[in-house]
């Protein structure tokens, strides 16, 4: 037999249901207790994506969910995390356990010192405060101002969550715990390059109030040097053309503020050239020795396997520009000696640092700064996934295996720089800009994963 409920009863019944659910799910309004003494025994992190989904912990991050064990939770009215009144659902509260999430609005390093790293529980008659560390999101390292500095020079490490950095471990397990200056917002910190850092290079490991983090494994990797103009690698040159950088063109006067030059370096506009005319390519060129001398496979694959994804391998160099560089000129990175100049395709990459967000902006670092160009940004390999083997094989098959750079001074189309449609074009101008580079190297971008917990 089928029963049909009269429509006139639907609204009252629905309203009654809402009332019942409201009473069940209202937070912080639990009256089923006379206000017992509250005790806290253990705190667990709830993470269904972890190999240990219910793990006892001594700290938590913003946004994470906690299961707290103790007694006297029945009748709980308020929970304050770092002084912030935090929502909880009484449905997930029993006398001996409760579940609560750390709000993203919870203050961390800017919390009042008297309540920082505490959780306070209160009912009508009692309260208790439990010491428990609260961290922001995991720290991230996005870049290092100079990855091959001189001993005693300061470097700037940029990223997010880098608050209250207390320790930096350099390759070779060289730890620095003093002289570290942290940005209150966690966007950067500075530290001084110590002595004894391994020439094998590797990652920086950083300990902050938000936990640990590694940089990519590109710091001080001297085994990857292709050319430093001081004996590592061989400078290649031939002929007497105006464009060819000769050994007599190299400079060695100490230049740079903060991070200074290291022996000889290459001027991409040598003193014998007063300026570059507009609409000119291949204004100057500087090369490694190439065939019979350069052997990337033998030099690099003991440290960077040929099977490494190409987005995890990069070309780095240090650059210094004593006066503002803008409006005209760029460096062409040439994987082999097979370019006439002006190309925006092939096994090359055009470095135009003065174009920022589609506009010409002065590029002028105060000292020598490291530029990192992942090899998958070379135009030939920019549209699909490749491994380091593709680059090694390409060089080995080349007729002229010199690696080098041009200074070019032709017009620049924004679409060629960004890879997106644009009608904007920067017409070239005569320029006398000084651009110096040094320490050409191939490095790994692999970044060790830091786990808050050891399983």
Protein backbone atom coordinates (compact mmCIF):
# COMPACT_ATOMS: atom_id res chain seq x y z
CA UNK A 1 0.00 0.00 0.00
CA UNK A 2 1.37 3.40 -0.94
CA UNK A 3 1.13 6.26 1.54
CA UNK A 4 1.31 9.82 0.30
CA UNK A 5 2.14 12.54 2.85
CA UNK A 6 -0.15 15.54 2.64
CA UNK A 7 1.79 18.55 1.34
CA UNK A 8 0.56 20.70 4.22
CA UNK A 9 2.84 18.71 6.59
CA UNK A 10 6.02 19.04 4.52
CA UNK A 11 7.09 22.48 5.71
CA UNK A 12 6.72 21.80 9.48
CA UNK A 13 8.56 18.49 9.19
CA UNK A 14 11.38 20.04 7.14
CA UNK A 15 11.71 22.88 9.63
CA UNK A 16 11.85 20.39 12.53
CA UNK A 17 14.60 18.49 10.71
CA UNK A 18 16.64 21.65 10.28
CA UNK A 19 16.24 22.42 13.98
CA UNK A 20 17.50 18.97 14.94
CA UNK A 21 20.52 19.16 12.66
CA UNK A 22 21.31 22.66 13.87
CA UNK A 23 21.44 21.41 17.46
CA UNK A 24 23.61 18.47 16.48
CA UNK A 25 26.14 20.45 14.47
CA UNK A 26 26.37 23.72 16.36
CA UNK A 27 29.98 24.34 17.43
CA UNK A 28 31.12 25.61 20.78
CA UNK A 29 27.70 25.31 22.47
CA UNK A 30 28.01 22.06 24.39
CA UNK A 31 25.97 22.06 27.60
CA UNK A 32 26.28 18.37 28.51
CA UNK A 33 28.74 18.92 31.32
CA UNK A 34 29.21 20.64 34.64
CA UNK A 35 32.60 21.93 33.51
CA UNK A 36 35.10 19.20 34.27
CA UNK A 37 38.84 19.68 34.64
CA UNK A 38 40.42 19.51 31.17
CA UNK A 39 43.62 17.55 30.59
CA UNK A 40 45.63 17.03 27.39
CA UNK A 41 47.72 13.92 26.90
CA UNK A 42 48.58 13.62 23.19
CA UNK A 43 48.03 15.35 19.83
CA UNK A 44 47.74 13.53 16.50
CA UNK A 45 47.93 14.83 12.94
CA UNK A 46 45.10 13.54 10.75
CA UNK A 47 46.28 13.14 7.14
CA UNK A 48 44.56 10.58 4.93
CA UNK A 49 47.22 11.09 2.24
CA UNK A 50 50.09 10.13 4.54
CA UNK A 51 51.51 6.67 5.05
CA UNK A 52 50.75 7.33 8.73
CA UNK A 53 47.28 8.91 8.63
CA UNK A 54 47.01 9.26 12.42
CA UNK A 55 50.43 10.36 13.67
CA UNK A 56 51.38 11.71 17.09
CA UNK A 57 53.01 15.12 16.62
CA UNK A 58 54.53 18.01 18.52
CA UNK A 59 53.63 20.68 15.94
CA UNK A 60 51.12 21.43 13.21
CA UNK A 61 50.78 23.81 10.27
CA UNK A 62 48.01 26.17 9.32
CA UNK A 63 45.14 24.29 7.70
CA UNK A 64 46.00 20.92 9.19
CA UNK A 65 43.53 18.80 11.18
CA UNK A 66 44.35 17.54 14.66
CA UNK A 67 42.94 14.83 16.89
CA UNK A 68 43.53 15.69 20.53
CA UNK A 69 43.40 13.11 23.32
CA UNK A 70 42.82 13.88 26.99
CA UNK A 71 39.85 14.18 29.31
CA UNK A 72 37.12 16.61 30.25
CA UNK A 73 36.26 17.68 26.69
CA UNK A 74 32.52 17.24 27.23
CA UNK A 75 31.15 20.71 27.77
CA UNK A 76 34.04 22.39 25.99
CA UNK A 77 33.10 25.94 24.98
CA UNK A 78 36.21 27.57 23.50
CA UNK A 79 39.53 26.61 21.94
CA UNK A 80 42.19 29.25 21.32
CA UNK A 81 45.15 28.38 19.09
CA UNK A 82 47.92 30.97 19.42
CA UNK A 83 45.24 33.17 20.99
CA UNK A 84 42.89 32.80 18.02
CA UNK A 85 39.37 31.56 18.80
CA UNK A 86 39.11 28.45 16.63
CA UNK A 87 35.93 26.79 15.39
CA UNK A 88 35.27 23.18 16.33
CA UNK A 89 32.26 20.91 15.78
CA UNK A 90 30.82 19.29 18.93
CA UNK A 91 29.82 16.27 16.84
CA UNK A 92 33.55 15.42 16.81
CA UNK A 93 34.00 15.89 20.55
CA UNK A 94 33.81 13.15 23.17
CA UNK A 95 34.98 13.35 26.74
CA UNK A 96 38.39 11.88 25.83
CA UNK A 97 38.97 13.03 22.26
CA UNK A 98 38.22 15.84 19.85
CA UNK A 99 39.01 16.86 16.27
CA UNK A 100 39.85 20.42 15.30
CA UNK A 101 41.45 22.13 12.29
CA UNK A 102 44.02 24.91 12.61
CA UNK A 103 42.52 27.94 10.89
CA UNK A 104 44.51 29.60 8.12
CA UNK A 105 43.83 32.87 9.98
CA UNK A 106 45.76 31.72 13.03
CA UNK A 107 48.72 34.03 13.77
CA UNK A 108 52.14 32.39 13.95
CA UNK A 109 55.28 34.49 14.34
CA UNK A 110 53.14 37.59 14.79
CA UNK A 111 51.13 36.01 17.62
CA UNK A 112 51.42 37.60 21.06
CA UNK A 113 54.51 35.99 22.66
CA UNK A 114 52.45 35.05 25.72
CA UNK A 115 50.18 32.78 23.66
CA UNK A 116 52.41 31.77 20.76
CA UNK A 117 52.71 28.00 20.33
CA UNK A 118 49.87 27.24 22.73
CA UNK A 119 46.37 25.76 22.57
CA UNK A 120 43.98 26.92 25.32
CA UNK A 121 40.83 24.94 26.12
CA UNK A 122 37.97 26.39 28.19
CA UNK A 123 34.58 25.29 29.52
CA UNK A 124 32.24 27.09 31.93
CA UNK A 125 34.34 26.31 34.99
CA UNK A 126 37.87 25.37 33.91
CA UNK A 127 40.54 25.99 31.34
CA UNK A 128 43.93 24.55 30.50
CA UNK A 129 46.76 25.67 28.23
CA UNK A 130 48.83 23.14 26.32
CA UNK A 131 52.21 23.99 24.76
CA UNK A 132 52.14 23.04 21.10
CA UNK A 133 54.09 24.51 18.16
CA UNK A 134 52.10 26.12 15.35
CA UNK A 135 53.83 26.71 12.02
CA UNK A 136 52.80 28.43 8.82
CA UNK A 137 52.92 26.60 5.47
CA UNK A 138 56.01 24.65 4.48
CA UNK A 139 58.93 26.90 3.52
CA UNK A 140 59.94 27.15 -0.14
CA UNK A 141 63.20 28.28 -1.80
CA UNK A 142 62.68 29.91 -5.20
CA UNK A 143 66.17 31.22 -5.88
CA UNK A 144 69.63 32.14 -4.60
CA UNK A 145 71.27 35.41 -5.63
CA UNK A 146 74.68 33.82 -6.24
CA UNK A 147 75.23 30.06 -6.23
CA UNK A 148 79.03 30.22 -6.52
CA UNK A 149 80.07 33.11 -4.24
CA UNK A 150 83.44 33.89 -2.75
CA UNK A 151 84.01 32.87 0.87
CA UNK A 152 82.83 35.65 3.17
CA UNK A 153 80.26 37.07 0.74
CA UNK A 154 76.60 37.36 1.61
CA UNK A 155 73.98 35.63 -0.49
CA UNK A 156 70.25 36.30 -0.66
CA UNK A 157 67.91 33.31 -0.58
CA UNK A 158 64.34 34.10 -1.73
CA UNK A 159 61.14 32.11 -1.38
CA UNK A 160 58.22 31.83 1.01
CA UNK A 161 57.79 30.76 4.63
CA UNK A 162 61.47 31.47 5.39
CA UNK A 163 60.75 32.91 8.83
CA UNK A 164 63.23 32.98 11.71
CA UNK A 165 65.93 31.01 9.89
CA UNK A 166 68.21 29.59 12.55
CA UNK A 167 70.48 27.26 10.58
CA UNK A 168 71.81 26.87 7.02
CA UNK A 169 73.75 23.75 6.07
CA UNK A 170 75.97 24.14 2.99
CA UNK A 171 77.26 21.27 0.80
CA UNK A 172 79.92 19.34 2.69
CA UNK A 173 77.80 19.53 5.87
CA UNK A 174 79.10 23.00 6.73
CA UNK A 175 76.56 24.51 9.12
CA UNK A 176 76.07 28.23 9.74
CA UNK A 177 73.98 29.35 12.72
CA UNK A 178 75.09 32.98 13.15
CA UNK A 179 74.87 36.11 11.03
CA UNK A 180 71.59 35.03 9.41
CA UNK A 181 69.12 37.86 8.75
CA UNK A 182 65.51 36.84 8.09
CA UNK A 183 62.68 38.81 6.52
CA UNK A 184 59.74 39.02 8.99
CA UNK A 185 57.39 38.03 6.17
CA UNK A 186 59.51 35.01 5.28
CA UNK A 187 60.20 36.08 1.69
CA UNK A 188 63.99 35.98 1.99
CA UNK A 189 67.00 35.68 4.26
CA UNK A 190 70.71 36.47 3.95
CA UNK A 191 73.63 34.32 5.04
CA UNK A 192 77.40 34.51 4.59
CA UNK A 193 79.27 31.97 2.48
CA UNK A 194 81.50 29.96 4.87
CA UNK A 195 84.81 28.30 4.11
CA UNK A 196 85.03 24.56 3.50
CA UNK A 197 81.98 24.24 1.24
CA UNK A 198 82.32 21.18 -1.02
CA UNK A 199 83.30 21.75 -4.66
CA UNK A 200 80.97 18.86 -5.50
CA UNK A 201 78.18 21.25 -4.66
CA UNK A 202 74.63 20.31 -3.79
CA UNK A 203 71.65 21.75 -1.96
CA UNK A 204 71.41 24.21 0.87
CA UNK A 205 69.39 22.88 3.80
CA UNK A 206 67.56 25.55 5.76
CA UNK A 207 65.94 25.29 9.18
CA UNK A 208 63.32 27.91 9.99
CA UNK A 209 60.45 28.35 12.40
CA UNK A 210 58.30 26.75 9.69
CA UNK A 211 60.52 23.68 9.43
CA UNK A 212 63.17 22.52 7.00
CA UNK A 213 63.60 23.01 3.25
CA UNK A 214 66.19 22.21 0.58
CA UNK A 215 67.29 24.34 -2.34
CA UNK A 216 67.90 22.75 -5.76
CA UNK A 217 71.23 20.92 -5.91
CA UNK A 218 73.00 23.72 -7.78
CA UNK A 219 75.02 25.42 -5.09
CA UNK A 220 78.82 25.60 -5.64
CA UNK A 221 78.79 22.82 -8.24
CA UNK A 222 82.28 23.43 -9.60
CA UNK A 223 82.43 20.02 -11.28
CA UNK A 224 79.92 21.45 -13.74
CA UNK A 225 82.08 24.40 -14.84
CA UNK A 226 82.36 24.62 -18.63
CA UNK A 227 84.42 27.81 -18.64
CA UNK A 228 85.55 30.24 -15.96
CA UNK A 229 88.35 31.96 -17.94
CA UNK A 230 90.80 31.01 -15.16
CA UNK A 231 91.76 27.48 -16.16
CA UNK A 232 88.52 25.55 -15.81
CA UNK A 233 87.43 24.73 -19.33
CA UNK A 234 89.19 26.12 -22.38
CA UNK A 235 88.39 29.41 -24.09
CA UNK A 236 88.05 28.90 -27.85
CA UNK A 237 88.76 31.64 -30.39
CA UNK A 238 89.86 31.91 -34.02
CA UNK A 239 90.33 34.47 -36.76
CA UNK A 240 90.56 38.20 -36.36
CA UNK A 241 86.96 39.30 -36.85
CA UNK A 242 85.74 42.20 -34.75
CA UNK A 243 83.08 40.03 -33.14
CA UNK A 244 85.41 37.30 -31.79
CA UNK A 245 86.35 37.70 -28.13
CA UNK A 246 90.08 37.10 -27.87
CA UNK A 247 92.08 36.35 -24.68
CA UNK A 248 93.33 39.94 -24.75
CA UNK A 249 89.72 41.11 -24.42
CA UNK A 250 89.17 39.38 -21.07
CA UNK A 251 89.22 41.58 -17.99
CA UNK A 252 90.35 40.93 -14.43
CA UNK A 253 89.88 44.19 -12.52
CA UNK A 254 87.85 43.48 -9.39
CA UNK A 255 84.29 44.69 -9.99
CA UNK A 256 80.98 44.25 -8.22
CA UNK A 257 79.49 45.24 -4.89
CA UNK A 258 78.76 42.55 -2.30
CA UNK A 259 79.53 39.69 -4.67
CA UNK A 260 82.72 40.58 -6.53
CA UNK A 261 84.45 39.14 -9.59
CA UNK A 262 86.56 35.98 -9.44
CA UNK A 263 89.72 36.38 -11.51
CA UNK A 264 89.16 36.81 -15.24
CA UNK A 265 85.75 37.34 -16.79
CA UNK A 266 84.39 38.11 -20.24
CA UNK A 267 83.14 41.56 -21.34
CA UNK A 268 80.50 41.09 -24.01
CA UNK A 269 81.35 44.55 -25.25
CA UNK A 270 85.14 44.65 -24.96
CA UNK A 271 86.93 47.98 -24.52
CA UNK A 272 87.95 48.05 -28.20
CA UNK A 273 84.26 48.41 -29.24
CA UNK A 274 82.74 51.77 -28.28
CA UNK A 275 79.10 50.78 -28.90
CA UNK A 276 76.83 48.45 -30.83
CA UNK A 277 74.71 49.73 -33.71
CA UNK A 278 70.98 48.97 -33.73
CA UNK A 279 69.52 46.11 -35.81
CA UNK A 280 72.75 44.12 -35.54
CA UNK A 281 73.19 40.45 -34.61
CA UNK A 282 76.28 38.54 -33.54
CA UNK A 283 77.89 41.77 -32.35
CA UNK A 284 80.36 39.77 -30.28
CA UNK A 285 80.84 36.05 -29.66
CA UNK A 286 82.69 34.01 -27.06
CA UNK A 287 83.15 30.23 -27.17
CA UNK A 288 84.49 27.16 -25.45
CA UNK A 289 87.17 25.20 -27.33
CA UNK A 290 84.70 22.61 -28.66
CA UNK A 291 85.76 19.50 -30.64
CA UNK A 292 88.32 17.30 -28.93
CA UNK A 293 88.20 19.40 -25.75
CA UNK A 294 84.61 19.73 -24.56
CA UNK A 295 83.17 16.41 -23.39
CA UNK A 296 79.94 17.00 -21.55
CA UNK A 297 79.13 13.30 -21.22
CA UNK A 298 82.39 12.45 -19.50
CA UNK A 299 82.43 15.60 -17.36
CA UNK A 300 78.80 15.82 -16.30
CA UNK A 301 77.03 12.45 -16.34
CA UNK A 302 78.88 11.12 -13.26
CA UNK A 303 76.91 13.80 -11.39
CA UNK A 304 73.88 14.44 -13.63
CA UNK A 305 72.73 11.19 -15.28
CA UNK A 306 71.81 11.33 -18.97
CA UNK A 307 68.34 10.08 -17.99
CA UNK A 308 67.63 13.22 -15.93
CA UNK A 309 64.53 15.10 -17.17
CA UNK A 310 65.67 18.16 -19.06
CA UNK A 311 63.68 20.52 -16.86
CA UNK A 312 65.93 19.35 -14.00
CA UNK A 313 69.16 20.37 -15.75
CA UNK A 314 70.18 24.00 -16.22
CA UNK A 315 72.85 26.28 -17.59
CA UNK A 316 74.02 28.78 -14.98
CA UNK A 317 76.30 31.76 -15.31
CA UNK A 318 77.17 34.76 -13.19
CA UNK A 319 76.47 38.21 -14.60
CA UNK A 320 77.43 41.75 -13.67
CA UNK A 321 76.06 44.91 -15.28
CA UNK A 322 77.58 48.07 -13.74
CA UNK A 323 75.12 50.46 -15.41
CA UNK A 324 71.41 50.01 -16.06
CA UNK A 325 70.65 47.72 -19.01
CA UNK A 326 67.32 48.31 -20.73
CA UNK A 327 65.63 48.89 -24.07
CA UNK A 328 68.09 47.04 -26.32
CA UNK A 329 70.47 44.09 -26.58
CA UNK A 330 70.41 40.49 -25.36
CA UNK A 331 72.61 37.44 -24.88
CA UNK A 332 72.13 34.41 -27.11
CA UNK A 333 73.03 31.10 -25.44
CA UNK A 334 74.31 28.78 -28.20
CA UNK A 335 74.45 25.04 -27.48
CA UNK A 336 76.73 24.54 -30.48
CA UNK A 337 78.50 26.76 -33.01
CA UNK A 338 75.86 26.72 -35.73
CA UNK A 339 74.03 30.07 -35.61
CA UNK A 340 74.22 33.15 -37.80
CA UNK A 341 72.51 35.41 -35.27
CA UNK A 342 68.95 36.61 -34.83
CA UNK A 343 67.41 33.14 -34.32
CA UNK A 344 64.52 32.52 -31.93
CA UNK A 345 64.43 28.82 -32.80
CA UNK A 346 66.84 25.91 -32.58
CA UNK A 347 69.25 24.80 -29.87
CA UNK A 348 69.66 28.27 -28.39
CA UNK A 349 68.00 30.63 -25.92
CA UNK A 350 67.86 34.42 -25.92
CA UNK A 351 68.32 36.01 -22.50
CA UNK A 352 66.57 39.40 -22.35
CA UNK A 353 66.60 40.38 -18.65
CA UNK A 354 65.27 43.91 -19.15
CA UNK A 355 61.83 42.77 -20.34
CA UNK A 356 59.65 42.30 -17.27
CA UNK A 357 55.88 41.85 -17.47
CA UNK A 358 55.95 43.06 -21.04
CA UNK A 359 57.80 46.29 -20.31
CA UNK A 360 61.38 47.52 -20.50
CA UNK A 361 62.72 47.66 -16.94
CA UNK A 362 66.30 48.48 -15.95
CA UNK A 363 68.37 45.40 -15.14
CA UNK A 364 71.21 46.29 -12.78
CA UNK A 365 72.16 43.87 -10.00
CA UNK A 366 74.49 45.46 -7.44
CA UNK A 367 76.97 42.63 -7.63
CA UNK A 368 77.58 39.40 -9.52
CA UNK A 369 74.29 37.54 -9.76
CA UNK A 370 73.58 33.98 -10.88
CA UNK A 371 71.29 33.38 -13.86
CA UNK A 372 69.66 29.94 -14.13
CA UNK A 373 68.25 28.75 -17.47
CA UNK A 374 66.70 25.25 -17.45
CA UNK A 375 67.80 23.43 -20.60
CA UNK A 376 64.20 22.73 -21.58
CA UNK A 377 63.92 26.45 -22.31
CA UNK A 378 66.26 26.04 -25.28
CA UNK A 379 63.83 26.41 -28.17
CA UNK A 380 64.44 22.97 -29.71
CA UNK A 381 63.34 21.22 -26.51
CA UNK A 382 60.75 23.66 -25.18
CA UNK A 383 57.57 22.04 -26.56
CA UNK A 384 57.79 18.49 -25.17
CA UNK A 385 59.47 16.40 -22.49
CA UNK A 386 63.09 15.36 -23.05
CA UNK A 387 66.00 14.06 -20.99
CA UNK A 388 69.57 15.32 -20.70
CA UNK A 389 70.50 12.59 -23.21
CA UNK A 390 68.84 14.62 -26.00
CA UNK A 391 71.20 17.54 -25.38
CA UNK A 392 74.28 15.34 -25.02
CA UNK A 393 73.54 13.49 -28.25
CA UNK A 394 72.82 16.73 -30.11
CA UNK A 395 76.19 18.17 -29.15
CA UNK A 396 78.03 14.95 -29.98
CA UNK A 397 76.50 14.91 -33.48
CA UNK A 398 77.40 18.56 -34.17
CA UNK A 399 80.11 19.51 -36.63
CA UNK A 400 81.29 22.31 -34.33
CA UNK A 401 80.82 21.48 -30.65
CA UNK A 402 81.76 24.87 -29.22
CA UNK A 403 79.35 26.19 -26.60
CA UNK A 404 79.04 29.96 -26.50
CA UNK A 405 77.24 33.27 -26.26
CA UNK A 406 76.54 36.09 -28.70
CA UNK A 407 75.70 39.63 -27.78
CA UNK A 408 72.92 40.63 -30.17
CA UNK A 409 71.31 44.02 -30.69
CA UNK A 410 68.37 43.40 -33.00
CA UNK A 411 64.67 44.22 -32.57
CA UNK A 412 62.84 42.09 -30.01
CA UNK A 413 59.25 40.93 -30.41
CA UNK A 414 57.51 40.33 -27.09
CA UNK A 415 55.81 37.19 -28.42
CA UNK A 416 59.24 35.64 -28.95
CA UNK A 417 60.20 36.33 -25.34
CA UNK A 418 56.97 35.18 -23.68
CA UNK A 419 55.76 32.57 -26.16
CA UNK A 420 52.30 34.17 -26.19
CA UNK A 421 50.61 36.29 -28.83
CA UNK A 422 51.51 39.98 -28.75
CA UNK A 423 51.95 42.85 -31.18
CA UNK A 424 54.47 44.60 -28.93
CA UNK A 425 57.95 45.05 -30.36
CA UNK A 426 61.02 46.69 -28.86
CA UNK A 427 62.96 48.45 -31.59
CA UNK A 428 66.70 48.17 -31.13
CA UNK A 429 68.83 51.18 -30.28
CA UNK A 430 72.52 51.91 -30.32
CA UNK A 431 73.92 50.80 -26.98
CA UNK A 432 77.19 50.98 -25.08
CA UNK A 433 76.00 48.82 -22.19
CA UNK A 434 78.64 46.83 -20.33
CA UNK A 435 77.70 43.19 -19.67
CA UNK A 436 80.13 40.79 -18.00
CA UNK A 437 79.71 37.04 -17.46
CA UNK A 438 81.73 34.33 -15.74
CA UNK A 439 81.54 30.80 -14.35
CA UNK A 440 79.56 29.13 -17.13
CA UNK A 441 78.30 25.83 -15.77
CA UNK A 442 75.78 23.02 -16.07
CA UNK A 443 73.95 22.19 -12.84
CA UNK A 444 71.25 19.93 -11.49
CA UNK A 445 67.88 21.35 -10.48
CA UNK A 446 66.89 18.24 -8.53
CA UNK A 447 65.61 19.26 -5.11
CA UNK A 448 65.61 16.82 -2.17
CA UNK A 449 62.22 16.46 -0.54
CA UNK A 450 62.11 17.42 3.12
CA UNK A 451 59.65 15.42 5.18
CA UNK A 452 58.42 16.82 8.47
CA UNK A 453 58.39 13.28 9.84
CA UNK A 454 60.60 10.24 9.40
CA UNK A 455 58.50 7.16 8.69
